[in-house]
C-alpha atoms as a PDB file:
ATOM      1  CA  MET A   1      36.558-149.810 229.601  1.00  0.00           C
ATOM      2  CA  ASP A   2      38.059-146.746 228.019  1.00  0.00           C
ATOM      3  CA  ASP A   3      41.981-147.073 228.828  1.00  0.00           C
ATOM      4  CA  ARG A   4      42.723-143.597 227.480  1.00  0.00           C
ATOM      5  CA  GLN A   5      40.335-141.879 230.040  1.00  0.00           C
ATOM      6  CA  LEU A   6      41.692-143.825 232.923  1.00  0.00           C
ATOM      7  CA  LYS A   7      45.244-143.093 231.808  1.00  0.00           C
ATOM      8  CA  LEU A   8      44.330-139.273 231.773  1.00  0.00           C
ATOM      9  CA  ILE A   9      42.733-139.280 235.027  1.00  0.00           C
ATOM     10  CA  LYS A  10      45.648-141.263 236.555  1.00  0.00           C
ATOM     11  CA  LEU A  11      48.063-138.651 234.981  1.00  0.00           C
ATOM     12  CA  LEU A  12      46.121-135.679 236.337  1.00  0.00           C
ATOM     13  CA  HIS A  13      45.823-137.178 239.754  1.00  0.00           C
ATOM     14  CA  THR A  14      49.456-137.930 239.803  1.00  0.00           C
ATOM     15  CA  VAL A  15      50.415-134.206 238.836  1.00  0.00           C
ATOM     16  CA  VAL A  16      48.081-132.938 241.418  1.00  0.00           C
ATOM     17  CA  TRP A  17      49.589-135.347 243.977  1.00  0.00           C
ATOM     18  CA  ALA A  18      53.034-134.345 243.021  1.00  0.00           C
ATOM     19  CA  GLY A  19      52.361-130.748 243.452  1.00  0.00           C
ATOM     20  CA  PHE A  20      50.764-131.198 246.894  1.00  0.00           C
ATOM     21  CA  ALA A  21      53.731-133.655 247.877  1.00  0.00           C
ATOM     22  CA  GLY A  22      56.260-130.916 246.603  1.00  0.00           C
ATOM     23  CA  CYS A  23      54.574-128.355 248.788  1.00  0.00           C
ATOM     24  CA  ILE A  24      54.780-130.510 251.955  1.00  0.00           C
ATOM     25  CA  VAL A  25      58.422-131.527 251.446  1.00  0.00           C
ATOM     26  CA  ALA A  26      59.118-127.661 250.725  1.00  0.00           C
ATOM     27  CA  ILE A  27      57.530-126.459 253.781  1.00  0.00           C
ATOM     28  CA  PRO A  28      60.459-127.568 256.433  1.00  0.00           C
ATOM     29  CA  VAL A  29      63.099-126.565 253.858  1.00  0.00           C
ATOM     30  CA  LEU A  30      61.536-123.160 253.693  1.00  0.00           C
ATOM     31  CA  ALA A  31      61.204-122.907 257.408  1.00  0.00           C
ATOM     32  CA  LEU A  32      64.885-123.737 257.679  1.00  0.00           C
ATOM     33  CA  GLN A  33      65.650-120.995 255.233  1.00  0.00           C
ATOM     34  CA  GLN A  34      63.518-118.476 257.227  1.00  0.00           C
ATOM     35  CA  ARG A  35      61.362-117.979 254.234  1.00  0.00           C
ATOM     36  CA  PHE A  36      58.211-118.222 256.774  1.00  0.00           C
ATOM     37  CA  ARG A  37      55.634-116.455 254.556  1.00  0.00           C
ATOM     38  CA  PHE A  38      56.196-118.580 251.486  1.00  0.00           C
ATOM     39  CA  ALA A  39      56.195-121.714 253.732  1.00  0.00           C
ATOM     40  CA  ALA A  40      52.852-120.470 255.278  1.00  0.00           C
ATOM     41  CA  LEU A  41      51.486-119.999 251.765  1.00  0.00           C
ATOM     42  CA  LEU A  42      52.253-123.491 250.968  1.00  0.00           C
ATOM     43  CA  ALA A  43      50.875-124.857 254.092  1.00  0.00           C
ATOM     44  CA  LEU A  44      47.575-122.928 253.284  1.00  0.00           C
ATOM     45  CA  ILE A  45      47.516-124.595 250.061  1.00  0.00           C
ATOM     46  CA  VAL A  46      48.071-127.958 251.589  1.00  0.00           C
ATOM     47  CA  LEU A  47      45.357-127.129 254.102  1.00  0.00           C
ATOM     48  CA  GLY A  48      42.890-126.465 251.181  1.00  0.00           C
ATOM     49  CA  GLU A  49      43.686-129.951 249.821  1.00  0.00           C
ATOM     50  CA  VAL A  50      43.000-131.438 253.443  1.00  0.00           C
ATOM     51  CA  VAL A  51      39.509-129.653 253.189  1.00  0.00           C
ATOM     52  CA  VAL A  52      38.660-131.101 250.093  1.00  0.00           C
ATOM     53  CA  LEU A  53      39.559-134.653 251.183  1.00  0.00           C
ATOM     54  CA  ALA A  54      37.665-134.229 254.336  1.00  0.00           C
ATOM     55  CA  VAL A  55      34.546-133.072 252.462  1.00  0.00           C
ATOM     56  CA  ASN A  56      34.929-136.132 250.344  1.00  0.00           C
ATOM     57  CA  ARG A  57      35.366-138.600 253.088  1.00  0.00           C
ATOM     58  CA  TRP A  58      39.169-138.759 252.906  1.00  0.00           C
ATOM     59  CA  ARG A  59      38.943-139.541 249.220  1.00  0.00           C
ATOM     60  CA  CYS A  60      40.523-137.766 246.138  1.00  0.00           C
ATOM     61  CA  PRO A  61      37.534-136.243 244.037  1.00  0.00           C
ATOM     62  CA  LEU A  62      39.195-137.966 241.046  1.00  0.00           C
ATOM     63  CA  THR A  63      38.975-141.457 242.590  1.00  0.00           C
ATOM     64  CA  PRO A  64      35.310-142.007 241.760  1.00  0.00           C
ATOM     65  CA  ILE A  65      35.729-140.514 238.210  1.00  0.00           C
ATOM     66  CA  ALA A  66      38.633-142.929 237.693  1.00  0.00           C
ATOM     67  CA  ALA A  67      36.547-145.953 239.132  1.00  0.00           C
ATOM     68  CA  ARG A  68      34.019-145.334 236.241  1.00  0.00           C
ATOM     69  CA  TYR A  69      36.853-146.715 233.782  1.00  0.00           C
ATOM     70  CA  THR A  70      38.023-149.827 235.650  1.00  0.00           C
ATOM     71  CA  ASP A  71      36.957-152.694 238.012  1.00  0.00           C
ATOM     72  CA  ASP A  72      40.474-152.475 239.513  1.00  0.00           C
ATOM     73  CA  ARG A  73      40.340-151.188 243.200  1.00  0.00           C
ATOM     74  CA  ARG A  74      44.006-151.721 244.178  1.00  0.00           C
ATOM     75  CA  PRO A  75      45.141-148.531 246.259  1.00  0.00           C
ATOM     76  CA  ASN A  76      46.965-147.277 243.051  1.00  0.00           C
ATOM     77  CA  PHE A  77      44.291-147.899 240.535  1.00  0.00           C
ATOM     78  CA  ASP A  78      43.640-144.205 240.207  1.00  0.00           C
ATOM     79  CA  ILE A  79      47.363-142.736 240.418  1.00  0.00           C
ATOM     80  CA  TYR A  80      50.641-143.573 239.076  1.00  0.00           C
ATOM     81  CA  LEU A  81      52.353-144.357 242.419  1.00  0.00           C
ATOM     82  CA  PRO A  82      53.688-147.619 243.839  1.00  0.00           C
ATOM     83  CA  GLU A  83      51.008-149.629 245.624  1.00  0.00           C
ATOM     84  CA  TRP A  84      52.602-149.457 248.982  1.00  0.00           C
ATOM     85  CA  LEU A  85      52.855-145.505 248.714  1.00  0.00           C
ATOM     86  CA  ALA A  86      49.289-145.221 247.335  1.00  0.00           C
ATOM     87  CA  ARG A  87      48.051-147.305 250.554  1.00  0.00           C
ATOM     88  CA  HIS A  88      49.866-145.217 252.987  1.00  0.00           C
ATOM     89  CA  ASN A  89      50.007-141.874 251.403  1.00  0.00           C
ATOM     90  CA  LYS A  90      47.828-140.042 253.802  1.00  0.00           C
ATOM     91  CA  GLU A  91      49.869-141.325 256.825  1.00  0.00           C
ATOM     92  CA  VAL A  92      53.158-140.599 255.271  1.00  0.00           C
ATOM     93  CA  PHE A  93      52.335-137.100 253.884  1.00  0.00           C
ATOM     94  CA  GLY A  94      50.017-136.170 256.702  1.00  0.00           C
ATOM     95  CA  SER A  95      52.993-136.836 259.110  1.00  0.00           C
ATOM     96  CA  LEU A  96      55.275-135.063 257.223  1.00  0.00           C
ATOM     97  CA  TYR A  97      52.864-132.029 256.837  1.00  0.00           C
ATOM     98  CA  LEU A  98      52.251-131.905 260.559  1.00  0.00           C
ATOM     99  CA  ALA A  99      56.081-132.011 261.262  1.00  0.00           C
ATOM    100  CA  GLY A 100      56.719-129.289 258.870  1.00  0.00           C
ATOM    101  CA  LEU A 101      54.035-127.102 260.509  1.00  0.00           C
ATOM    102  CA  VAL A 102      55.451-127.753 263.757  1.00  0.00           C
ATOM    103  CA  LEU A 103      58.803-126.787 262.534  1.00  0.00           C
ATOM    104  CA  LEU A 104      57.502-123.719 260.805  1.00  0.00           C
ATOM    105  CA  ALA A 105      55.798-122.484 263.820  1.00  0.00           C
ATOM    106  CA  VAL A 106      58.654-123.095 266.145  1.00  0.00           C
ATOM    107  CA  ARG A 107      61.191-121.476 263.877  1.00  0.00           C
ATOM    108  CA  TRP A 108      59.044-118.559 262.935  1.00  0.00           C
ATOM    109  CA  ILE A 109      58.161-117.762 266.757  1.00  0.00           C
ATOM    110  CA  GLY A 110      61.776-118.011 267.420  1.00  0.00           C
ATOM    111  CA  ALA A 111      62.960-115.671 264.802  1.00  0.00           C
END
């Protein structure tokens, strides 16, 4: 197994995840600041990721690439996240994303 390749994929996966997680966290903050267009842009970026995940059967496209370099199949084998977060990532951030979208819609309509 090529440990360097796996580490590189895990690093890339973590950086991409952090970008999307940051967008999700920023959406309600921006909505509260009445920066609706920027929040909507971030929401569309995350929606793009949701489409990518849906097309890939709710798996990151980097996961099968990482799987080539290890037999490990723990929830975080392909990303530098705690195992509990990797296991529940879609539920946690999916809920935050939906809540952020609702807040954005309510605030924008009421503005």
